[in-house]
């Protein structure tokens, strides 16, 4: 029976086959379809296994290269911070240090609200007083006093670098990474 199935499959590859159908040929054709389905399943399984290997390779390589990039970026940041310059222009890119903004955080709102109204550190919304962080930050900068229930978070200096994709051309090919 297998020989007939192989003949049916061989004939379908070259040209359509025409013969009178009967129960036996229908059953053999179903057997041929099952054999083709099994081959498709094997091809899909093989392809899935190969894709899995490729994705694992990609993940490992990207992780490895990412670690190298992080290490190099950290060394660039250390150099930029030691140089004392805010911007360092180089043929392949730019190193930048930019001062962030100071922030104020309310740690204990009840304690803060006790004195906040006195110093005008709240804004009134209909039927609700809530902390005004900008006014509170301005108050801290003006007086140097940190109101109870708040936490002052000084600004940090952020490092970034940009790469010139066209060997010094600062056009659209600029990549920027901030750490």
C-alpha atoms as a PDB file:
ATOM      1  CA  UNK A   1       0.000   0.000   0.000  1.00  0.00           C
ATOM      2  CA  UNK A   2       2.866   2.351   0.815  1.00  0.00           C
ATOM      3  CA  UNK A   3       4.208   1.900  -2.698  1.00  0.00           C
ATOM      4  CA  UNK A   4       0.933   3.173  -4.154  1.00  0.00           C
ATOM      5  CA  UNK A   5       1.003   6.184  -1.785  1.00  0.00           C
ATOM      6  CA  UNK A   6       4.559   6.977  -2.898  1.00  0.00           C
ATOM      7  CA  UNK A   7       3.456   6.708  -6.559  1.00  0.00           C
ATOM      8  CA  UNK A   8       0.536   9.090  -5.913  1.00  0.00           C
ATOM      9  CA  UNK A   9       2.873  11.568  -4.221  1.00  0.00           C
ATOM     10  CA  UNK A  10       5.454  11.266  -7.008  1.00  0.00           C
ATOM     11  CA  UNK A  11       2.843  11.873  -9.687  1.00  0.00           C
ATOM     12  CA  UNK A  12       1.440  14.948  -7.881  1.00  0.00           C
ATOM     13  CA  UNK A  13       4.869  16.580  -7.946  1.00  0.00           C
ATOM     14  CA  UNK A  14       5.140  16.351 -11.744  1.00  0.00           C
ATOM     15  CA  UNK A  15       1.600  16.855 -12.941  1.00  0.00           C
ATOM     16  CA  UNK A  16      -1.946  16.405 -11.728  1.00  0.00           C
ATOM     17  CA  UNK A  17      -3.075  12.797 -11.825  1.00  0.00           C
ATOM     18  CA  UNK A  18      -6.333  11.731 -13.376  1.00  0.00           C
ATOM     19  CA  UNK A  19      -7.828   8.377 -12.608  1.00  0.00           C
ATOM     20  CA  UNK A  20     -11.129   7.012 -11.578  1.00  0.00           C
ATOM     21  CA  UNK A  21     -11.695   7.344  -7.868  1.00  0.00           C
ATOM     22  CA  UNK A  22     -12.899   4.473  -5.777  1.00  0.00           C
ATOM     23  CA  UNK A  23     -12.885   3.787  -2.028  1.00  0.00           C
ATOM     24  CA  UNK A  24      -9.404   2.296  -2.086  1.00  0.00           C
ATOM     25  CA  UNK A  25      -7.855   5.216  -3.998  1.00  0.00           C
ATOM     26  CA  UNK A  26      -9.613   7.691  -1.688  1.00  0.00           C
ATOM     27  CA  UNK A  27      -8.209   5.893   1.327  1.00  0.00           C
ATOM     28  CA  UNK A  28      -4.736   5.795  -0.203  1.00  0.00           C
ATOM     29  CA  UNK A  29      -5.013   9.516  -1.013  1.00  0.00           C
ATOM     30  CA  UNK A  30      -5.910  10.209   2.606  1.00  0.00           C
ATOM     31  CA  UNK A  31      -2.833   8.228   3.583  1.00  0.00           C
ATOM     32  CA  UNK A  32      -0.775  10.354   1.177  1.00  0.00           C
ATOM     33  CA  UNK A  33      -2.222  13.516   2.763  1.00  0.00           C
ATOM     34  CA  UNK A  34      -1.242  12.233   6.205  1.00  0.00           C
ATOM     35  CA  UNK A  35       2.287  11.567   5.000  1.00  0.00           C
ATOM     36  CA  UNK A  36       2.520  15.109   3.590  1.00  0.00           C
ATOM     37  CA  UNK A  37       1.127  16.530   6.841  1.00  0.00           C
ATOM     38  CA  UNK A  38       3.776  14.612   8.812  1.00  0.00           C
ATOM     39  CA  UNK A  39       6.506  16.016   6.560  1.00  0.00           C
ATOM     40  CA  UNK A  40       5.129  19.548   7.047  1.00  0.00           C
ATOM     41  CA  UNK A  41       5.121  19.024  10.804  1.00  0.00           C
ATOM     42  CA  UNK A  42       8.750  17.869  10.663  1.00  0.00           C
ATOM     43  CA  UNK A  43       9.745  20.923   8.602  1.00  0.00           C
ATOM     44  CA  UNK A  44       7.936  23.261  11.022  1.00  0.00           C
ATOM     45  CA  UNK A  45       9.510  21.559  14.049  1.00  0.00           C
ATOM     46  CA  UNK A  46      12.979  21.840  12.502  1.00  0.00           C
ATOM     47  CA  UNK A  47      12.406  25.501  11.601  1.00  0.00           C
ATOM     48  CA  UNK A  48      11.080  26.262  15.108  1.00  0.00           C
ATOM     49  CA  UNK A  49      14.142  24.617  16.670  1.00  0.00           C
ATOM     50  CA  UNK A  50      16.434  26.645  14.410  1.00  0.00           C
ATOM     51  CA  UNK A  51      14.562  29.873  15.216  1.00  0.00           C
ATOM     52  CA  UNK A  52      14.881  29.124  18.929  1.00  0.00           C
ATOM     53  CA  UNK A  53      18.641  28.667  18.535  1.00  0.00           C
ATOM     54  CA  UNK A  54      18.900  31.905  16.576  1.00  0.00           C
ATOM     55  CA  UNK A  55      16.873  33.843  19.172  1.00  0.00           C
ATOM     56  CA  UNK A  56      19.028  32.453  21.995  1.00  0.00           C
ATOM     57  CA  UNK A  57      22.147  33.449  20.077  1.00  0.00           C
ATOM     58  CA  UNK A  58      20.721  36.943  19.479  1.00  0.00           C
ATOM     59  CA  UNK A  59      19.825  37.416  23.148  1.00  0.00           C
ATOM     60  CA  UNK A  60      23.274  36.291  24.337  1.00  0.00           C
ATOM     61  CA  UNK A  61      25.132  38.447  21.821  1.00  0.00           C
ATOM     62  CA  UNK A  62      22.998  41.534  22.487  1.00  0.00           C
ATOM     63  CA  UNK A  63      23.507  41.081  26.238  1.00  0.00           C
ATOM     64  CA  UNK A  64      27.268  40.655  25.783  1.00  0.00           C
ATOM     65  CA  UNK A  65      27.535  43.718  23.545  1.00  0.00           C
ATOM     66  CA  UNK A  66      25.267  45.708  25.875  1.00  0.00           C
ATOM     67  CA  UNK A  67      27.601  44.979  28.788  1.00  0.00           C
ATOM     68  CA  UNK A  68      30.562  46.201  26.734  1.00  0.00           C
ATOM     69  CA  UNK A  69      28.652  49.369  25.788  1.00  0.00           C
ATOM     70  CA  UNK A  70      27.715  50.027  29.435  1.00  0.00           C
ATOM     71  CA  UNK A  71      31.320  49.610  30.533  1.00  0.00           C
ATOM     72  CA  UNK A  72      32.581  51.961  27.804  1.00  0.00           C
ATOM     73  CA  UNK A  73      29.825  54.524  28.538  1.00  0.00           C
ATOM     74  CA  UNK A  74      30.707  54.445  32.258  1.00  0.00           C
ATOM     75  CA  UNK A  75      34.351  55.177  31.421  1.00  0.00           C
ATOM     76  CA  UNK A  76      33.279  58.054  29.155  1.00  0.00           C
ATOM     77  CA  UNK A  77      31.091  59.412  31.964  1.00  0.00           C
ATOM     78  CA  UNK A  78      33.965  59.206  34.449  1.00  0.00           C
ATOM     79  CA  UNK A  79      36.234  61.065  32.031  1.00  0.00           C
ATOM     80  CA  UNK A  80      33.609  63.755  31.365  1.00  0.00           C
ATOM     81  CA  UNK A  81      33.010  64.290  35.088  1.00  0.00           C
ATOM     82  CA  UNK A  82      36.776  64.552  35.775  1.00  0.00           C
ATOM     83  CA  UNK A  83      37.354  66.972  32.892  1.00  0.00           C
ATOM     84  CA  UNK A  84      35.269  69.738  34.435  1.00  0.00           C
ATOM     85  CA  UNK A  85      33.739  70.562  31.039  1.00  0.00           C
ATOM     86  CA  UNK A  86      30.002  70.469  30.380  1.00  0.00           C
ATOM     87  CA  UNK A  87      30.301  69.490  26.705  1.00  0.00           C
ATOM     88  CA  UNK A  88      33.172  67.725  25.007  1.00  0.00           C
ATOM     89  CA  UNK A  89      32.989  67.653  21.214  1.00  0.00           C
ATOM     90  CA  UNK A  90      34.907  64.845  19.564  1.00  0.00           C
ATOM     91  CA  UNK A  91      35.128  63.650  15.950  1.00  0.00           C
ATOM     92  CA  UNK A  92      32.842  60.673  16.582  1.00  0.00           C
ATOM     93  CA  UNK A  93      30.365  62.280  18.949  1.00  0.00           C
ATOM     94  CA  UNK A  94      29.694  64.523  21.912  1.00  0.00           C
ATOM     95  CA  UNK A  95      29.938  63.920  25.658  1.00  0.00           C
ATOM     96  CA  UNK A  96      27.523  66.005  27.738  1.00  0.00           C
ATOM     97  CA  UNK A  97      26.961  66.710  31.423  1.00  0.00           C
ATOM     98  CA  UNK A  98      23.706  68.489  32.196  1.00  0.00           C
ATOM     99  CA  UNK A  99      22.520  69.605  35.604  1.00  0.00           C
ATOM    100  CA  UNK A 100      19.085  68.260  36.491  1.00  0.00           C
ATOM    101  CA  UNK A 101      16.515  70.077  38.583  1.00  0.00           C
ATOM    102  CA  UNK A 102      16.149  70.089  42.338  1.00  0.00           C
ATOM    103  CA  UNK A 103      13.029  68.330  43.607  1.00  0.00           C
ATOM    104  CA  UNK A 104      10.971  68.381  46.742  1.00  0.00           C
ATOM    105  CA  UNK A 105       9.073  65.365  48.009  1.00  0.00           C
ATOM    106  CA  UNK A 106       6.336  65.374  50.619  1.00  0.00           C
ATOM    107  CA  UNK A 107       7.046  62.538  53.023  1.00  0.00           C
ATOM    108  CA  UNK A 108       4.427  63.332  55.671  1.00  0.00           C
ATOM    109  CA  UNK A 109       1.582  65.396  54.241  1.00  0.00           C
ATOM    110  CA  UNK A 110      -0.201  65.947  57.571  1.00  0.00           C
ATOM    111  CA  UNK A 111       2.896  67.372  59.228  1.00  0.00           C
ATOM    112  CA  UNK A 112       3.686  69.498  56.178  1.00  0.00           C
ATOM    113  CA  UNK A 113       0.169  70.940  55.871  1.00  0.00           C
ATOM    114  CA  UNK A 114       0.363  72.239  59.470  1.00  0.00           C
ATOM    115  CA  UNK A 115       2.885  74.902  58.415  1.00  0.00           C
ATOM    116  CA  UNK A 116       2.302  75.008  54.661  1.00  0.00           C
ATOM    117  CA  UNK A 117      -0.639  77.410  54.847  1.00  0.00           C
ATOM    118  CA  UNK A 118       1.386  79.826  56.982  1.00  0.00           C
ATOM    119  CA  UNK A 119       4.145  80.068  54.360  1.00  0.00           C
ATOM    120  CA  UNK A 120       1.804  79.915  51.365  1.00  0.00           C
ATOM    121  CA  UNK A 121       3.036  76.510  50.260  1.00  0.00           C
ATOM    122  CA  UNK A 122      -0.372  75.144  49.220  1.00  0.00           C
ATOM    123  CA  UNK A 123      -2.678  75.839  46.344  1.00  0.00           C
ATOM    124  CA  UNK A 124      -6.381  75.753  46.848  1.00  0.00           C
ATOM    125  CA  UNK A 125      -8.608  73.720  44.666  1.00  0.00           C
ATOM    126  CA  UNK A 126     -12.292  73.847  45.352  1.00  0.00           C
ATOM    127  CA  UNK A 127     -12.813  72.202  48.757  1.00  0.00           C
ATOM    128  CA  UNK A 128      -9.241  70.857  48.922  1.00  0.00           C
ATOM    129  CA  UNK A 129      -5.811  72.118  49.916  1.00  0.00           C
ATOM    130  CA  UNK A 130      -2.926  70.214  48.411  1.00  0.00           C
ATOM    131  CA  UNK A 131       0.837  70.732  48.435  1.00  0.00           C
ATOM    132  CA  UNK A 132       2.298  73.104  45.846  1.00  0.00           C
ATOM    133  CA  UNK A 133       5.663  71.519  45.115  1.00  0.00           C
ATOM    134  CA  UNK A 134       6.940  74.439  43.019  1.00  0.00           C
ATOM    135  CA  UNK A 135       6.142  76.978  45.750  1.00  0.00           C
ATOM    136  CA  UNK A 136       7.679  74.685  48.365  1.00  0.00           C
ATOM    137  CA  UNK A 137      10.854  74.265  46.324  1.00  0.00           C
ATOM    138  CA  UNK A 138      11.079  78.040  45.838  1.00  0.00           C
ATOM    139  CA  UNK A 139      10.650  78.489  49.604  1.00  0.00           C
ATOM    140  CA  UNK A 140      13.452  76.000  50.338  1.00  0.00           C
ATOM    141  CA  UNK A 141      15.780  77.727  47.876  1.00  0.00           C
ATOM    142  CA  UNK A 142      14.932  81.174  49.262  1.00  0.00           C
ATOM    143  CA  UNK A 143      15.172  80.387  52.974  1.00  0.00           C
ATOM    144  CA  UNK A 144      17.341  77.262  53.030  1.00  0.00           C
ATOM    145  CA  UNK A 145      14.838  75.769  55.476  1.00  0.00           C
ATOM    146  CA  UNK A 146      13.255  72.417  54.652  1.00  0.00           C
ATOM    147  CA  UNK A 147       9.650  72.326  55.910  1.00  0.00           C
ATOM    148  CA  UNK A 148       8.707  69.472  58.236  1.00  0.00           C
ATOM    149  CA  UNK A 149       7.262  66.489  56.424  1.00  0.00           C
ATOM    150  CA  UNK A 150       9.273  67.120  53.261  1.00  0.00           C
ATOM    151  CA  UNK A 151      12.452  65.747  51.798  1.00  0.00           C
ATOM    152  CA  UNK A 152      14.772  67.833  49.629  1.00  0.00           C
ATOM    153  CA  UNK A 153      16.308  65.958  46.707  1.00  0.00           C
ATOM    154  CA  UNK A 154      19.221  67.924  45.196  1.00  0.00           C
ATOM    155  CA  UNK A 155      19.680  67.974  41.451  1.00  0.00           C
ATOM    156  CA  UNK A 156      21.944  65.404  39.885  1.00  0.00           C
ATOM    157  CA  UNK A 157      24.242  65.902  36.937  1.00  0.00           C
ATOM    158  CA  UNK A 158      23.227  63.600  34.104  1.00  0.00           C
ATOM    159  CA  UNK A 159      25.668  62.205  31.551  1.00  0.00           C
ATOM    160  CA  UNK A 160      24.834  61.525  27.932  1.00  0.00           C
ATOM    161  CA  UNK A 161      26.712  60.945  24.746  1.00  0.00           C
ATOM    162  CA  UNK A 162      25.696  61.122  21.127  1.00  0.00           C
ATOM    163  CA  UNK A 163      27.283  59.328  18.215  1.00  0.00           C
ATOM    164  CA  UNK A 164      27.827  60.882  14.826  1.00  0.00           C
ATOM    165  CA  UNK A 165      26.758  58.187  12.392  1.00  0.00           C
ATOM    166  CA  UNK A 166      28.428  59.872   9.415  1.00  0.00           C
ATOM    167  CA  UNK A 167      31.911  60.272  10.878  1.00  0.00           C
ATOM    168  CA  UNK A 168      31.530  63.716  12.382  1.00  0.00           C
ATOM    169  CA  UNK A 169      28.362  64.868  10.647  1.00  0.00           C
ATOM    170  CA  UNK A 170      25.950  65.917  13.359  1.00  0.00           C
ATOM    171  CA  UNK A 171      22.915  65.331  11.164  1.00  0.00           C
ATOM    172  CA  UNK A 172      19.975  62.963  11.534  1.00  0.00           C
ATOM    173  CA  UNK A 173      22.154  59.935  12.284  1.00  0.00           C
ATOM    174  CA  UNK A 174      22.661  60.952  15.896  1.00  0.00           C
ATOM    175  CA  UNK A 175      22.218  58.328  18.593  1.00  0.00           C
ATOM    176  CA  UNK A 176      21.960  59.431  22.197  1.00  0.00           C
ATOM    177  CA  UNK A 177      22.294  57.376  25.356  1.00  0.00           C
ATOM    178  CA  UNK A 178      21.749  58.809  28.800  1.00  0.00           C
ATOM    179  CA  UNK A 179      22.973  57.189  31.970  1.00  0.00           C
END
